[in-house]
Amino acid sequence: MDMHYSEAVRARTAPIYQRVKRVIPEVEWPIHAPWVDAINTLKRERGAVILAHNYQTPEIFHGVADHVGDSLALARTAAETDAEVIVMAGVRFMAETAKLLAPERTVLLPDIEARCSLAASITPHDVRQLRHDNPDVPVIAYVNTTASVKAMADVCCTSSNAVWVVESLGVDRVIMVPDQHLAEWVAEQTGVEIITWEGECDVHTRFSADEICAARAEVPGIRILAHPECRDEVLQAADFVGSTSQMIQHVQRELPPQVMLVTECSMSDNVSTECPDVEFIRPCNLCSYMKRITLRNIHDSLRDMRTEVHIGMATAVQARRALERMLTL
């Protein structure tokens, strides 16, 4: 489809470009602007909202998203929205979560192959075996899991509320799946014994303590923020550990002169648009699954109403119970 960058498109998208001009060169905006303009028109026609994770690229995050945030924020928004159509600019487990919490809404995922390495690391059978081996121990499923795995859990958690969820159960021992690094970090914070699963995120486990040391040597005084899905050696070397939303809030509150966000690349771009006095130092790693979501397939998803997310009734009932327990604890 040929999208023409006309004077009318330029005028309509000019306020958006003002927000992203720090991270999108002016020469690139004519490529994005027609898609942004067309998507925003389609949203109104369809009565749709677009939910975008913090890892989406700036033209999506700032250009077409109605609500942005981490997994917890997006889950809460899905539960509360009255829009007829929800488009998830994220990966499949996020779209499933939206459908679980808004079962009467049409939930679209622009690319059905936008999966998650962490969610793929565990199956319902694996959880069933963990329960068998550890009777009467509650199971906490990280939100980065499929609906069928959530259906096997007692409660869900996100990286921003995992410590609180564990402590709220009031027990000495829990099972937490699937991210082993998050579980180990939560165990340190709570003193609760956590039975872990050997799952990990491809993005966060690629970071090393050597990269942190190199950044400190190159930029003395740099503030380093790490996601708890990183390896322990990285978390120990960081100045702050938190979810994507907690990292963003820390930067906005502290406004460090130089900062490195040890997480997916696009988040630095998205935060830097709102913190112009902060210099964001890389390295960072890309999530290939998140990058499957593009302006073009968001547009096509809205235009053709595809690809709709469906979850079987029995699975949905059980998984929704675990999610709602998290939201109401």
C-alpha atoms as a PDB file:
ATOM      1  CA  MET A   1       0.000   0.000   0.000  1.00  0.00           C
ATOM      2  CA  ASP A   2       1.340   3.400  -0.991  1.00  0.00           C
ATOM      3  CA  MET A   3       1.054   5.929   1.803  1.00  0.00           C
ATOM      4  CA  HIS A   4       1.474   9.483   0.551  1.00  0.00           C
ATOM      5  CA  TYR A   5       3.065  12.166   2.725  1.00  0.00           C
ATOM      6  CA  SER A   6       0.890  15.139   1.821  1.00  0.00           C
ATOM      7  CA  GLU A   7       0.811  18.613   3.304  1.00  0.00           C
ATOM      8  CA  ALA A   8      -2.409  17.660   5.098  1.00  0.00           C
ATOM      9  CA  VAL A   9      -0.740  14.601   6.650  1.00  0.00           C
ATOM     10  CA  ARG A  10       2.246  16.707   7.663  1.00  0.00           C
ATOM     11  CA  ALA A  11      -0.003  19.237   9.391  1.00  0.00           C
ATOM     12  CA  ARG A  12      -2.086  16.621  11.204  1.00  0.00           C
ATOM     13  CA  THR A  13       0.955  14.750  12.489  1.00  0.00           C
ATOM     14  CA  ALA A  14       3.138  17.767  13.289  1.00  0.00           C
ATOM     15  CA  PRO A  15       2.262  17.781  17.029  1.00  0.00           C
ATOM     16  CA  ILE A  16       3.217  14.114  17.250  1.00  0.00           C
ATOM     17  CA  TYR A  17       6.516  14.710  15.526  1.00  0.00           C
ATOM     18  CA  GLN A  18       7.348  17.448  18.005  1.00  0.00           C
ATOM     19  CA  ARG A  19       7.264  14.771  20.741  1.00  0.00           C
ATOM     20  CA  VAL A  20       9.532  12.325  18.915  1.00  0.00           C
ATOM     21  CA  LYS A  21      11.924  14.569  17.019  1.00  0.00           C
ATOM     22  CA  ARG A  22      14.729  13.802  19.467  1.00  0.00           C
ATOM     23  CA  VAL A  23      14.668  10.130  18.481  1.00  0.00           C
ATOM     24  CA  ILE A  24      13.255  10.064  14.928  1.00  0.00           C
ATOM     25  CA  PRO A  25      15.272  12.028  12.355  1.00  0.00           C
ATOM     26  CA  GLU A  26      13.249  14.513  10.341  1.00  0.00           C
ATOM     27  CA  VAL A  27      14.137  12.685   7.128  1.00  0.00           C
ATOM     28  CA  GLU A  28      12.396   9.533   8.448  1.00  0.00           C
ATOM     29  CA  TRP A  29       9.141  11.153   9.552  1.00  0.00           C
ATOM     30  CA  PRO A  30       7.564  11.211   6.050  1.00  0.00           C
ATOM     31  CA  ILE A  31       7.826   7.403   6.098  1.00  0.00           C
ATOM     32  CA  HIS A  32       5.980   7.054   9.412  1.00  0.00           C
ATOM     33  CA  ALA A  33       3.537   9.968   9.267  1.00  0.00           C
ATOM     34  CA  PRO A  34       1.065   8.611   6.666  1.00  0.00           C
ATOM     35  CA  TRP A  35       0.713   5.364   8.621  1.00  0.00           C
ATOM     36  CA  VAL A  36       0.299   7.246  11.903  1.00  0.00           C
ATOM     37  CA  ASP A  37      -2.359   9.463  10.345  1.00  0.00           C
ATOM     38  CA  ALA A  38      -4.242   6.535   8.796  1.00  0.00           C
ATOM     39  CA  ILE A  39      -4.157   4.491  12.015  1.00  0.00           C
ATOM     40  CA  ASN A  40      -5.492   7.341  14.102  1.00  0.00           C
ATOM     41  CA  THR A  41      -8.360   7.721  11.624  1.00  0.00           C
ATOM     42  CA  LEU A  42      -9.119   3.993  11.711  1.00  0.00           C
ATOM     43  CA  LYS A  43      -9.156   4.002  15.512  1.00  0.00           C
ATOM     44  CA  ARG A  44     -11.970   6.529  15.531  1.00  0.00           C
ATOM     45  CA  GLU A  45     -13.913   4.598  12.909  1.00  0.00           C
ATOM     46  CA  ARG A  46     -13.570   1.282  14.770  1.00  0.00           C
ATOM     47  CA  GLY A  47     -14.066   2.613  18.286  1.00  0.00           C
ATOM     48  CA  ALA A  48     -10.660   1.141  19.074  1.00  0.00           C
ATOM     49  CA  VAL A  49      -7.853   1.807  21.498  1.00  0.00           C
ATOM     50  CA  ILE A  50      -4.232   0.814  21.052  1.00  0.00           C
ATOM     51  CA  LEU A  51      -2.305  -0.430  24.082  1.00  0.00           C
ATOM     52  CA  ALA A  52       1.470  -0.253  23.649  1.00  0.00           C
ATOM     53  CA  HIS A  53       4.152  -1.752  25.820  1.00  0.00           C
ATOM     54  CA  ASN A  54       7.188   0.313  26.841  1.00  0.00           C
ATOM     55  CA  TYR A  55       9.315  -1.705  24.396  1.00  0.00           C
ATOM     56  CA  GLN A  56       7.501  -0.478  21.302  1.00  0.00           C
ATOM     57  CA  THR A  57       9.269   1.890  18.915  1.00  0.00           C
ATOM     58  CA  PRO A  58       8.656   5.648  19.333  1.00  0.00           C
ATOM     59  CA  GLU A  59       6.471   6.034  16.237  1.00  0.00           C
ATOM     60  CA  ILE A  60       4.083   3.478  17.773  1.00  0.00           C
ATOM     61  CA  PHE A  61       4.514   4.417  21.432  1.00  0.00           C
ATOM     62  CA  HIS A  62       4.060   8.165  20.895  1.00  0.00           C
ATOM     63  CA  GLY A  63       2.376   8.162  17.501  1.00  0.00           C
ATOM     64  CA  VAL A  64      -0.659   5.885  17.746  1.00  0.00           C
ATOM     65  CA  ALA A  65      -0.917   4.422  21.267  1.00  0.00           C
ATOM     66  CA  ASP A  66      -3.784   5.521  23.489  1.00  0.00           C
ATOM     67  CA  HIS A  67      -2.366   3.864  26.594  1.00  0.00           C
ATOM     68  CA  VAL A  68       1.233   2.856  27.298  1.00  0.00           C
ATOM     69  CA  GLY A  69       3.021   1.124  30.130  1.00  0.00           C
ATOM     70  CA  ASP A  70       4.372  -2.110  31.512  1.00  0.00           C
ATOM     71  CA  SER A  71       2.444  -5.380  31.662  1.00  0.00           C
ATOM     72  CA  LEU A  72       0.636  -4.437  34.871  1.00  0.00           C
ATOM     73  CA  ALA A  73      -0.483  -1.045  33.554  1.00  0.00           C
ATOM     74  CA  LEU A  74      -1.711  -2.566  30.299  1.00  0.00           C
ATOM     75  CA  ALA A  75      -3.594  -5.291  32.176  1.00  0.00           C
ATOM     76  CA  ARG A  76      -5.361  -2.710  34.316  1.00  0.00           C
ATOM     77  CA  THR A  77      -6.217  -0.617  31.270  1.00  0.00           C
ATOM     78  CA  ALA A  78      -7.645  -3.645  29.454  1.00  0.00           C
ATOM     79  CA  ALA A  79      -9.826  -4.424  32.456  1.00  0.00           C
ATOM     80  CA  GLU A  80     -11.157  -0.869  32.636  1.00  0.00           C
ATOM     81  CA  THR A  81     -11.554   0.218  29.009  1.00  0.00           C
ATOM     82  CA  ASP A  82     -14.980   0.596  27.448  1.00  0.00           C
ATOM     83  CA  ALA A  83     -13.616   0.550  23.888  1.00  0.00           C
ATOM     84  CA  GLU A  84     -15.162  -2.015  21.579  1.00  0.00           C
ATOM     85  CA  VAL A  85     -11.807  -2.996  20.080  1.00  0.00           C
ATOM     86  CA  ILE A  86      -8.409  -3.351  21.762  1.00  0.00           C
ATOM     87  CA  VAL A  87      -5.295  -3.536  19.607  1.00  0.00           C
ATOM     88  CA  MET A  88      -2.312  -4.873  21.529  1.00  0.00           C
ATOM     89  CA  ALA A  89       0.982  -3.406  20.374  1.00  0.00           C
ATOM     90  CA  GLY A  90       2.942  -6.005  22.280  1.00  0.00           C
ATOM     91  CA  VAL A  91       3.418  -9.749  22.307  1.00  0.00           C
ATOM     92  CA  ARG A  92       0.915 -12.574  22.403  1.00  0.00           C
ATOM     93  CA  PHE A  93       0.718 -13.124  26.168  1.00  0.00           C
ATOM     94  CA  MET A  94      -0.191  -9.431  26.543  1.00  0.00           C
ATOM     95  CA  ALA A  95      -3.012  -9.786  24.026  1.00  0.00           C
ATOM     96  CA  GLU A  96      -4.234 -12.895  25.836  1.00  0.00           C
ATOM     97  CA  THR A  97      -4.157 -11.011  29.133  1.00  0.00           C
ATOM     98  CA  ALA A  98      -6.233  -8.225  27.607  1.00  0.00           C
ATOM     99  CA  LYS A  99      -8.774 -10.762  26.336  1.00  0.00           C
ATOM    100  CA  LEU A 100      -8.955 -12.475  29.725  1.00  0.00           C
ATOM    101  CA  LEU A 101      -9.686  -9.191  31.479  1.00  0.00           C
ATOM    102  CA  ALA A 102     -11.970  -7.812  28.768  1.00  0.00           C
ATOM    103  CA  PRO A 103     -13.738 -10.936  27.462  1.00  0.00           C
ATOM    104  CA  GLU A 104     -16.542  -8.988  25.799  1.00  0.00           C
ATOM    105  CA  ARG A 105     -14.130  -6.866  23.760  1.00  0.00           C
ATOM    106  CA  THR A 106     -12.545  -7.695  20.444  1.00  0.00           C
ATOM    107  CA  VAL A 107      -8.800  -8.023  21.035  1.00  0.00           C
ATOM    108  CA  LEU A 108      -6.494  -7.846  18.038  1.00  0.00           C
ATOM    109  CA  LEU A 109      -2.805  -8.786  17.814  1.00  0.00           C
ATOM    110  CA  PRO A 110      -1.281  -7.298  14.640  1.00  0.00           C
ATOM    111  CA  ASP A 111       1.184 -10.191  14.217  1.00  0.00           C
ATOM    112  CA  ILE A 112       0.213 -13.565  15.661  1.00  0.00           C
ATOM    113  CA  GLU A 113       3.902 -14.575  15.608  1.00  0.00           C
ATOM    114  CA  ALA A 114       4.786 -11.858  18.137  1.00  0.00           C
ATOM    115  CA  ARG A 115       5.548 -14.394  20.824  1.00  0.00           C
ATOM    116  CA  CYS A 116       7.798 -14.366  23.911  1.00  0.00           C
ATOM    117  CA  SER A 117      10.818 -16.560  24.639  1.00  0.00           C
ATOM    118  CA  LEU A 118      10.011 -16.530  28.341  1.00  0.00           C
ATOM    119  CA  ALA A 119       6.375 -17.517  27.889  1.00  0.00           C
ATOM    120  CA  ALA A 120       7.483 -20.334  25.589  1.00  0.00           C
ATOM    121  CA  SER A 121       9.775 -21.786  28.257  1.00  0.00           C
ATOM    122  CA  ILE A 122       7.019 -23.457  30.293  1.00  0.00           C
ATOM    123  CA  THR A 123       3.866 -25.483  29.633  1.00  0.00           C
ATOM    124  CA  PRO A 124       0.809 -26.408  31.720  1.00  0.00           C
ATOM    125  CA  HIS A 125       2.292 -29.908  32.075  1.00  0.00           C
ATOM    126  CA  ASP A 126       5.411 -28.402  33.652  1.00  0.00           C
ATOM    127  CA  VAL A 127       3.309 -26.529  36.212  1.00  0.00           C
ATOM    128  CA  ARG A 128       1.295 -29.656  36.933  1.00  0.00           C
ATOM    129  CA  GLN A 129       4.529 -31.531  37.669  1.00  0.00           C
ATOM    130  CA  LEU A 130       5.760 -28.756  39.956  1.00  0.00           C
ATOM    131  CA  ARG A 131       2.508 -28.955  41.898  1.00  0.00           C
ATOM    132  CA  HIS A 132       2.824 -32.737  42.144  1.00  0.00           C
ATOM    133  CA  ASP A 133       6.376 -32.458  43.462  1.00  0.00           C
ATOM    134  CA  ASN A 134       5.490 -29.665  45.907  1.00  0.00           C
ATOM    135  CA  PRO A 135       1.983 -30.314  47.273  1.00  0.00           C
ATOM    136  CA  ASP A 136       0.154 -27.449  48.969  1.00  0.00           C
ATOM    137  CA  VAL A 137       2.692 -24.871  47.771  1.00  0.00           C
ATOM    138  CA  PRO A 138       0.978 -21.917  46.016  1.00  0.00           C
ATOM    139  CA  VAL A 139       1.913 -21.241  42.402  1.00  0.00           C
ATOM    140  CA  ILE A 140       2.594 -17.703  41.189  1.00  0.00           C
ATOM    141  CA  ALA A 141       2.628 -17.275  37.409  1.00  0.00           C
ATOM    142  CA  TYR A 142       4.501 -14.319  35.999  1.00  0.00           C
ATOM    143  CA  VAL A 143       2.269 -12.416  33.591  1.00  0.00           C
ATOM    144  CA  ASN A 144       4.787 -13.355  30.865  1.00  0.00           C
ATOM    145  CA  THR A 145       3.071 -16.723  30.400  1.00  0.00           C
ATOM    146  CA  THR A 146       0.396 -18.165  28.160  1.00  0.00           C
ATOM    147  CA  ALA A 147      -3.226 -18.201  29.257  1.00  0.00           C
ATOM    148  CA  SER A 148      -3.018 -21.983  29.673  1.00  0.00           C
ATOM    149  CA  VAL A 149      -0.148 -21.618  32.156  1.00  0.00           C
ATOM    150  CA  LYS A 150      -1.951 -18.835  34.043  1.00  0.00           C
ATOM    151  CA  ALA A 151      -4.893 -21.213  34.338  1.00  0.00           C
ATOM    152  CA  MET A 152      -2.685 -23.564  36.380  1.00  0.00           C
ATOM    153  CA  ALA A 153      -1.667 -20.844  38.873  1.00  0.00           C
ATOM    154  CA  ASP A 154      -3.156 -19.528  42.078  1.00  0.00           C
ATOM    155  CA  VAL A 155      -2.234 -15.921  41.336  1.00  0.00           C
ATOM    156  CA  CYS A 156      -0.307 -13.920  38.760  1.00  0.00           C
ATOM    157  CA  CYS A 157       2.343 -11.257  39.215  1.00  0.00           C
ATOM    158  CA  THR A 158       4.327  -8.767  37.173  1.00  0.00           C
ATOM    159  CA  SER A 159       7.863  -7.562  37.725  1.00  0.00           C
ATOM    160  CA  SER A 160       6.502  -4.409  39.367  1.00  0.00           C
ATOM    161  CA  ASN A 161       4.359  -6.199  41.957  1.00  0.00           C
ATOM    162  CA  ALA A 162       6.084  -9.600  42.354  1.00  0.00           C
ATOM    163  CA  VAL A 163       7.558  -8.798  45.790  1.00  0.00           C
ATOM    164  CA  TRP A 164       4.197  -7.560  47.038  1.00  0.00           C
ATOM    165  CA  VAL A 165       2.310 -10.577  45.660  1.00  0.00           C
ATOM    166  CA  VAL A 166       4.703 -13.021  47.326  1.00  0.00           C
ATOM    167  CA  GLU A 167       4.507 -11.229  50.660  1.00  0.00           C
ATOM    168  CA  SER A 168       0.716 -10.962  50.467  1.00  0.00           C
ATOM    169  CA  LEU A 169       0.351 -14.752  50.474  1.00  0.00           C
ATOM    170  CA  GLY A 170       1.792 -14.955  53.993  1.00  0.00           C
ATOM    171  CA  VAL A 171       3.566 -18.274  53.427  1.00  0.00           C
ATOM    172  CA  ASP A 172       7.177 -19.406  53.766  1.00  0.00           C
ATOM    173  CA  ARG A 173       7.413 -21.200  50.419  1.00  0.00           C
ATOM    174  CA  VAL A 174       6.023 -20.548  46.935  1.00  0.00           C
ATOM    175  CA  ILE A 175       6.493 -21.720  43.367  1.00  0.00           C
ATOM    176  CA  MET A 176       7.179 -18.900  40.911  1.00  0.00           C
ATOM    177  CA  VAL A 177       7.307 -19.503  37.166  1.00  0.00           C
ATOM    178  CA  PRO A 178       8.842 -19.133  34.697  1.00  0.00           C
ATOM    179  CA  ASP A 179      11.632 -16.528  35.091  1.00  0.00           C
ATOM    180  CA  GLN A 180      14.349 -17.897  37.340  1.00  0.00           C
ATOM    181  CA  HIS A 181      16.193 -14.568  37.668  1.00  0.00           C
ATOM    182  CA  LEU A 182      13.095 -12.638  38.736  1.00  0.00           C
ATOM    183  CA  ALA A 183      12.241 -15.395  41.216  1.00  0.00           C
ATOM    184  CA  GLU A 184      15.735 -15.384  42.714  1.00  0.00           C
ATOM    185  CA  TRP A 185      15.652 -11.591  43.065  1.00  0.00           C
ATOM    186  CA  VAL A 186      12.227 -11.704  44.733  1.00  0.00           C
ATOM    187  CA  ALA A 187      13.496 -14.379  47.154  1.00  0.00           C
ATOM    188  CA  GLU A 188      16.301 -12.024  48.194  1.00  0.00           C
ATOM    189  CA  GLN A 189      13.856  -9.171  48.746  1.00  0.00           C
ATOM    190  CA  THR A 190      11.311 -11.171  50.731  1.00  0.00           C
ATOM    191  CA  GLY A 191      13.167 -13.965  52.527  1.00  0.00           C
ATOM    192  CA  VAL A 192      10.540 -16.389  51.195  1.00  0.00           C
ATOM    193  CA  GLU A 193      11.792 -19.698  49.793  1.00  0.00           C
ATOM    194  CA  ILE A 194      10.958 -19.752  46.085  1.00  0.00           C
ATOM    195  CA  ILE A 195      10.915 -22.861  43.953  1.00  0.00           C
ATOM    196  CA  THR A 196      11.979 -21.666  40.514  1.00  0.00           C
ATOM    197  CA  TRP A 197      11.740 -22.794  36.918  1.00  0.00           C
ATOM    198  CA  GLU A 198      14.679 -22.536  34.503  1.00  0.00           C
ATOM    199  CA  GLY A 199      13.089 -19.961  32.218  1.00  0.00           C
ATOM    200  CA  GLU A 200      14.643 -16.692  31.159  1.00  0.00           C
ATOM    201  CA  CYS A 201      14.157 -13.743  28.831  1.00  0.00           C
ATOM    202  CA  ASP A 202      16.369 -13.719  25.729  1.00  0.00           C
ATOM    203  CA  VAL A 203      16.715  -9.925  25.912  1.00  0.00           C
ATOM    204  CA  HIS A 204      17.687  -9.516  29.543  1.00  0.00           C
ATOM    205  CA  THR A 205      19.971 -12.509  29.921  1.00  0.00           C
ATOM    206  CA  ARG A 206      22.248 -11.194  27.169  1.00  0.00           C
ATOM    207  CA  PHE A 207      23.446  -8.411  29.471  1.00  0.00           C
ATOM    208  CA  SER A 208      26.595  -9.013  31.513  1.00  0.00           C
ATOM    209  CA  ALA A 209      28.351  -7.472  34.490  1.00  0.00           C
ATOM    210  CA  ASP A 210      31.282  -6.686  32.176  1.00  0.00           C
ATOM    211  CA  GLU A 211      29.029  -4.341  30.196  1.00  0.00           C
ATOM    212  CA  ILE A 212      28.032  -2.571  33.384  1.00  0.00           C
ATOM    213  CA  CYS A 213      31.683  -2.167  34.432  1.00  0.00           C
ATOM    214  CA  ALA A 214      32.624  -0.898  30.979  1.00  0.00           C
ATOM    215  CA  ALA A 215      29.857   1.707  31.098  1.00  0.00           C
ATOM    216  CA  ARG A 216      31.030   2.942  34.502  1.00  0.00           C
ATOM    217  CA  ALA A 217      34.609   3.201  33.272  1.00  0.00           C
ATOM    218  CA  GLU A 218      33.559   5.141  30.180  1.00  0.00           C
ATOM    219  CA  VAL A 219      31.024   7.418  31.908  1.00  0.00           C
ATOM    220  CA  PRO A 220      31.970   8.079  35.552  1.00  0.00           C
ATOM    221  CA  GLY A 221      28.919   8.787  37.685  1.00  0.00           C
ATOM    222  CA  ILE A 222      26.487   7.088  35.306  1.00  0.00           C
ATOM    223  CA  ARG A 223      23.278   5.819  36.907  1.00  0.00           C
ATOM    224  CA  ILE A 224      22.526   2.213  35.920  1.00  0.00           C
ATOM    225  CA  LEU A 225      19.002   0.788  36.175  1.00  0.00           C
ATOM    226  CA  ALA A 226      18.377  -2.923  35.581  1.00  0.00           C
ATOM    227  CA  HIS A 227      15.302  -5.060  35.049  1.00  0.00           C
ATOM    228  CA  PRO A 228      14.937  -7.986  37.519  1.00  0.00           C
ATOM    229  CA  GLU A 229      14.854 -10.463  34.621  1.00  0.00           C
ATOM    230  CA  CYS A 230      18.618  -9.851  34.293  1.00  0.00           C
ATOM    231  CA  ARG A 231      21.181 -12.210  35.792  1.00  0.00           C
ATOM    232  CA  ASP A 232      22.135 -11.687  39.431  1.00  0.00           C
ATOM    233  CA  GLU A 233      25.628 -10.438  38.496  1.00  0.00           C
ATOM    234  CA  VAL A 234      23.984  -7.599  36.550  1.00  0.00           C
ATOM    235  CA  LEU A 235      21.509  -6.769  39.313  1.00  0.00           C
ATOM    236  CA  GLN A 236      24.313  -6.653  41.868  1.00  0.00           C
ATOM    237  CA  ALA A 237      26.265  -4.233  39.658  1.00  0.00           C
ATOM    238  CA  ALA A 238      23.306  -1.903  39.059  1.00  0.00           C
ATOM    239  CA  ASP A 239      22.287   1.131  41.095  1.00  0.00           C
ATOM    240  CA  PHE A 240      18.566   0.397  40.902  1.00  0.00           C
ATOM    241  CA  VAL A 241      16.478  -2.672  40.077  1.00  0.00           C
ATOM    242  CA  GLY A 242      12.879  -2.409  38.975  1.00  0.00           C
ATOM    243  CA  SER A 243      10.217  -3.049  36.380  1.00  0.00           C
ATOM    244  CA  THR A 244      10.046  -0.932  33.252  1.00  0.00           C
ATOM    245  CA  SER A 245       7.522   1.430  34.867  1.00  0.00           C
ATOM    246  CA  GLN A 246       9.640   1.699  38.019  1.00  0.00           C
ATOM    247  CA  MET A 247      12.733   2.440  35.932  1.00  0.00           C
ATOM    248  CA  ILE A 248      10.877   5.179  34.053  1.00  0.00           C
ATOM    249  CA  GLN A 249       9.582   6.712  37.272  1.00  0.00           C
ATOM    250  CA  HIS A 250      13.102   6.653  38.744  1.00  0.00           C
ATOM    251  CA  VAL A 251      14.544   8.529  35.766  1.00  0.00           C
ATOM    252  CA  GLN A 252      11.724  11.079  35.788  1.00  0.00           C
ATOM    253  CA  ARG A 253      12.116  11.650  39.511  1.00  0.00           C
ATOM    254  CA  GLU A 254      15.927  11.703  39.790  1.00  0.00           C
ATOM    255  CA  LEU A 255      16.836  13.128  36.352  1.00  0.00           C
ATOM    256  CA  PRO A 256      20.404  11.748  36.426  1.00  0.00           C
ATOM    257  CA  PRO A 257      22.766  13.459  33.918  1.00  0.00           C
ATOM    258  CA  GLN A 258      23.650  10.089  32.356  1.00  0.00           C
ATOM    259  CA  VAL A 259      21.707   6.867  32.697  1.00  0.00           C
ATOM    260  CA  MET A 260      21.774   3.368  31.236  1.00  0.00           C
ATOM    261  CA  LEU A 261      18.572   1.323  31.165  1.00  0.00           C
ATOM    262  CA  VAL A 262      19.522  -2.345  31.196  1.00  0.00           C
ATOM    263  CA  THR A 263      16.521  -3.523  29.233  1.00  0.00           C
ATOM    264  CA  GLU A 264      15.051  -3.406  25.704  1.00  0.00           C
ATOM    265  CA  CYS A 265      16.402  -0.647  23.440  1.00  0.00           C
ATOM    266  CA  SER A 266      13.232   1.200  22.536  1.00  0.00           C
ATOM    267  CA  MET A 267      12.443   2.113  26.116  1.00  0.00           C
ATOM    268  CA  SER A 268      15.406   4.474  26.245  1.00  0.00           C
ATOM    269  CA  ASP A 269      14.108   6.258  23.147  1.00  0.00           C
ATOM    270  CA  ASN A 270      10.601   6.554  24.575  1.00  0.00           C
ATOM    271  CA  VAL A 271      11.752   7.902  27.937  1.00  0.00           C
ATOM    272  CA  SER A 272      14.268  10.301  26.410  1.00  0.00           C
ATOM    273  CA  THR A 273      11.494  12.186  24.597  1.00  0.00           C
ATOM    274  CA  GLU A 274      10.165  13.257  27.996  1.00  0.00           C
ATOM    275  CA  CYS A 275      13.526  13.745  29.729  1.00  0.00           C
ATOM    276  CA  PRO A 276      15.534  15.934  27.330  1.00  0.00           C
ATOM    277  CA  ASP A 277      18.178  16.787  29.930  1.00  0.00           C
ATOM    278  CA  VAL A 278      19.067  13.147  30.563  1.00  0.00           C
ATOM    279  CA  GLU A 279      21.643  11.441  28.347  1.00  0.00           C
ATOM    280  CA  PHE A 280      20.826   7.791  27.713  1.00  0.00           C
ATOM    281  CA  ILE A 281      23.879   5.580  27.327  1.00  0.00           C
ATOM    282  CA  ARG A 282      23.650   2.246  25.555  1.00  0.00           C
ATOM    283  CA  PRO A 283      24.216  -0.816  25.324  1.00  0.00           C
ATOM    284  CA  CYS A 284      20.752  -2.234  25.047  1.00  0.00           C
ATOM    285  CA  ASN A 285      19.226  -5.307  23.427  1.00  0.00           C
ATOM    286  CA  LEU A 286      16.363  -5.581  20.961  1.00  0.00           C
ATOM    287  CA  CYS A 287      13.385  -7.892  21.412  1.00  0.00           C
ATOM    288  CA  SER A 288      12.808  -9.406  17.983  1.00  0.00           C
ATOM    289  CA  TYR A 289       9.261 -10.407  18.966  1.00  0.00           C
ATOM    290  CA  MET A 290       8.251  -6.889  20.010  1.00  0.00           C
ATOM    291  CA  LYS A 291       9.696  -5.580  16.767  1.00  0.00           C
ATOM    292  CA  ARG A 292       7.282  -7.741  14.794  1.00  0.00           C
ATOM    293  CA  ILE A 293       4.681  -5.102  15.632  1.00  0.00           C
ATOM    294  CA  THR A 294       4.857  -2.293  13.078  1.00  0.00           C
ATOM    295  CA  LEU A 295       2.770   0.659  11.994  1.00  0.00           C
ATOM    296  CA  ARG A 296       1.829  -1.219   8.855  1.00  0.00           C
ATOM    297  CA  ASN A 297       0.496  -4.341  10.569  1.00  0.00           C
ATOM    298  CA  ILE A 298      -1.291  -2.241  13.201  1.00  0.00           C
ATOM    299  CA  HIS A 299      -2.997  -0.439  10.311  1.00  0.00           C
ATOM    300  CA  ASP A 300      -3.860  -3.681   8.528  1.00  0.00           C
ATOM    301  CA  SER A 301      -5.092  -5.245  11.757  1.00  0.00           C
ATOM    302  CA  LEU A 302      -7.550  -2.386  12.271  1.00  0.00           C
ATOM    303  CA  ARG A 303      -8.548  -2.205   8.634  1.00  0.00           C
ATOM    304  CA  ASP A 304      -9.266  -5.943   8.311  1.00  0.00           C
ATOM    305  CA  MET A 305     -10.061  -6.638  11.995  1.00  0.00           C
ATOM    306  CA  ARG A 306      -7.339  -9.267  12.296  1.00  0.00           C
ATOM    307  CA  THR A 307      -5.857 -11.212  14.021  1.00  0.00           C
ATOM    308  CA  GLU A 308      -8.431 -11.686  16.764  1.00  0.00           C
ATOM    309  CA  VAL A 309      -7.380 -13.405  19.982  1.00  0.00           C
ATOM    310  CA  HIS A 310      -9.564 -16.247  21.274  1.00  0.00           C
ATOM    311  CA  ILE A 311      -9.206 -18.274  24.481  1.00  0.00           C
ATOM    312  CA  GLY A 312     -11.145 -21.417  25.345  1.00  0.00           C
ATOM    313  CA  MET A 313     -13.827 -21.004  28.003  1.00  0.00           C
ATOM    314  CA  ALA A 314     -12.378 -23.424  30.571  1.00  0.00           C
ATOM    315  CA  THR A 315      -8.895 -21.951  30.282  1.00  0.00           C
ATOM    316  CA  ALA A 316     -10.235 -18.408  30.400  1.00  0.00           C
ATOM    317  CA  VAL A 317     -12.195 -18.972  33.610  1.00  0.00           C
ATOM    318  CA  GLN A 318      -9.179 -20.357  35.473  1.00  0.00           C
ATOM    319  CA  ALA A 319      -6.647 -17.885  34.074  1.00  0.00           C
ATOM    320  CA  ARG A 320      -8.929 -14.905  34.731  1.00  0.00           C
ATOM    321  CA  ARG A 321      -9.232 -15.968  38.363  1.00  0.00           C
ATOM    322  CA  ALA A 322      -5.435 -15.840  38.808  1.00  0.00           C
ATOM    323  CA  LEU A 323      -5.187 -12.455  37.097  1.00  0.00           C
ATOM    324  CA  GLU A 324      -8.068 -10.913  39.001  1.00  0.00           C
ATOM    325  CA  ARG A 325      -6.623 -12.139  42.284  1.00  0.00           C
ATOM    326  CA  MET A 326      -3.449 -10.237  41.420  1.00  0.00           C
ATOM    327  CA  LEU A 327      -5.394  -7.088  40.634  1.00  0.00           C
ATOM    328  CA  THR A 328      -7.498  -7.224  43.785  1.00  0.00           C
ATOM    329  CA  LEU A 329      -4.940  -8.366  46.387  1.00  0.00           C
END
